[in-house]
Amino acid sequence: MNERPDTKYLPRRCAFLKKEVWAILAKQPGGSWKIVNCLDKDKPCFEQECSFTTDGGAWPFAVEAEAR
């Protein structure tokens, strides 16, 4: 059970890997939820410029559904 109400751990569809990955979402001041880390890093992830694996990378994971 998550003891922090400002974070969620949810599966999200990764467009790069073409599968569901677990991600950490953080509640933003306006009430929306933003992905702040991907927990399912595969070897191909480390070969790409991703903000979670390299400095200055870009987020390659398309979020297909809003956090509930």
C-alpha atoms as a PDB file:
ATOM      1  CA  MET A   1       0.000   0.000   0.000  1.00  0.00           C
ATOM      2  CA  ASN A   2       1.236   3.477  -0.907  1.00  0.00           C
ATOM      3  CA  GLU A   3       1.669   5.650   2.170  1.00  0.00           C
ATOM      4  CA  ARG A   4       2.189   8.844   0.141  1.00  0.00           C
ATOM      5  CA  PRO A   5      -1.020  10.375  -1.245  1.00  0.00           C
ATOM      6  CA  ASP A   6       1.025  12.557  -3.619  1.00  0.00           C
ATOM      7  CA  THR A   7       2.392   9.576  -5.612  1.00  0.00           C
ATOM      8  CA  LYS A   8       0.911   6.659  -7.533  1.00  0.00           C
ATOM      9  CA  TYR A   9       2.431   3.513  -9.031  1.00  0.00           C
ATOM     10  CA  LEU A  10       0.493   2.569 -12.157  1.00  0.00           C
ATOM     11  CA  PRO A  11       1.025   0.663 -15.400  1.00  0.00           C
ATOM     12  CA  ARG A  12       1.230   2.848 -18.501  1.00  0.00           C
ATOM     13  CA  ARG A  13       1.526   1.930 -22.174  1.00  0.00           C
ATOM     14  CA  CYS A  14       5.064   2.619 -23.436  1.00  0.00           C
ATOM     15  CA  ALA A  15       5.018   3.546 -27.122  1.00  0.00           C
ATOM     16  CA  PHE A  16       8.756   2.872 -27.433  1.00  0.00           C
ATOM     17  CA  LEU A  17       8.717  -0.641 -25.917  1.00  0.00           C
ATOM     18  CA  LYS A  18       5.151  -1.326 -27.147  1.00  0.00           C
ATOM     19  CA  LYS A  19       4.092  -2.796 -23.808  1.00  0.00           C
ATOM     20  CA  GLU A  20       2.796  -1.841 -20.387  1.00  0.00           C
ATOM     21  CA  VAL A  21       5.422  -0.491 -17.981  1.00  0.00           C
ATOM     22  CA  TRP A  22       5.124   0.487 -14.336  1.00  0.00           C
ATOM     23  CA  ALA A  23       5.600   4.189 -13.701  1.00  0.00           C
ATOM     24  CA  ILE A  24       5.677   6.559 -10.750  1.00  0.00           C
ATOM     25  CA  LEU A  25       3.267   9.474 -11.047  1.00  0.00           C
ATOM     26  CA  ALA A  26       3.430  12.585  -8.853  1.00  0.00           C
ATOM     27  CA  LYS A  27       0.494  14.850  -8.079  1.00  0.00           C
ATOM     28  CA  GLN A  28       0.993  18.340  -9.482  1.00  0.00           C
ATOM     29  CA  PRO A  29      -0.137  21.605  -7.821  1.00  0.00           C
ATOM     30  CA  GLY A  30      -3.128  21.882 -10.199  1.00  0.00           C
ATOM     31  CA  GLY A  31      -4.320  18.377  -9.306  1.00  0.00           C
ATOM     32  CA  SER A  32      -3.079  16.600 -12.442  1.00  0.00           C
ATOM     33  CA  TRP A  33      -0.677  13.640 -12.350  1.00  0.00           C
ATOM     34  CA  LYS A  34       2.722  13.623 -14.109  1.00  0.00           C
ATOM     35  CA  ILE A  35       4.963  10.621 -14.791  1.00  0.00           C
ATOM     36  CA  VAL A  36       8.239  11.230 -12.962  1.00  0.00           C
ATOM     37  CA  ASN A  37       9.967   7.872 -13.429  1.00  0.00           C
ATOM     38  CA  CYS A  38       9.660   4.594 -15.286  1.00  0.00           C
ATOM     39  CA  LEU A  39      10.255   1.465 -13.228  1.00  0.00           C
ATOM     40  CA  ASP A  40      10.500  -1.083 -16.068  1.00  0.00           C
ATOM     41  CA  LYS A  41      13.737  -0.075 -17.743  1.00  0.00           C
ATOM     42  CA  ASP A  42      14.798  -2.652 -20.336  1.00  0.00           C
ATOM     43  CA  LYS A  43      18.180  -2.791 -22.094  1.00  0.00           C
ATOM     44  CA  PRO A  44      16.837  -0.904 -25.177  1.00  0.00           C
ATOM     45  CA  CYS A  45      15.877   1.992 -22.880  1.00  0.00           C
ATOM     46  CA  PHE A  46      19.493   2.609 -21.938  1.00  0.00           C
ATOM     47  CA  GLU A  47      20.425   2.801 -25.622  1.00  0.00           C
ATOM     48  CA  GLN A  48      17.969   5.704 -26.170  1.00  0.00           C
ATOM     49  CA  GLU A  49      17.964   9.310 -24.995  1.00  0.00           C
ATOM     50  CA  CYS A  50      15.373   9.052 -22.242  1.00  0.00           C
ATOM     51  CA  SER A  51      15.096  11.508 -19.375  1.00  0.00           C
ATOM     52  CA  PHE A  52      15.102   8.540 -16.990  1.00  0.00           C
ATOM     53  CA  THR A  53      18.260   6.901 -18.354  1.00  0.00           C
ATOM     54  CA  THR A  54      20.429   9.746 -19.725  1.00  0.00           C
ATOM     55  CA  ASP A  55      20.996  13.456 -19.131  1.00  0.00           C
ATOM     56  CA  GLY A  56      19.096  15.720 -21.488  1.00  0.00           C
ATOM     57  CA  GLY A  57      16.963  12.970 -22.975  1.00  0.00           C
ATOM     58  CA  ALA A  58      13.319  13.098 -23.940  1.00  0.00           C
ATOM     59  CA  TRP A  59      10.331  11.214 -22.591  1.00  0.00           C
ATOM     60  CA  PRO A  60       9.595   8.430 -25.106  1.00  0.00           C
ATOM     61  CA  PHE A  61       6.666   6.896 -23.264  1.00  0.00           C
ATOM     62  CA  ALA A  62       3.271   7.981 -24.561  1.00  0.00           C
ATOM     63  CA  VAL A  63       0.660   7.987 -21.832  1.00  0.00           C
ATOM     64  CA  GLU A  64      -2.554   6.655 -23.353  1.00  0.00           C
ATOM     65  CA  ALA A  65      -4.806   7.139 -20.345  1.00  0.00           C
ATOM     66  CA  GLU A  66      -5.031   9.664 -17.538  1.00  0.00           C
ATOM     67  CA  ALA A  67      -4.319   8.526 -13.986  1.00  0.00           C
ATOM     68  CA  ARG A  68      -7.433   7.674 -12.087  1.00  0.00           C
END
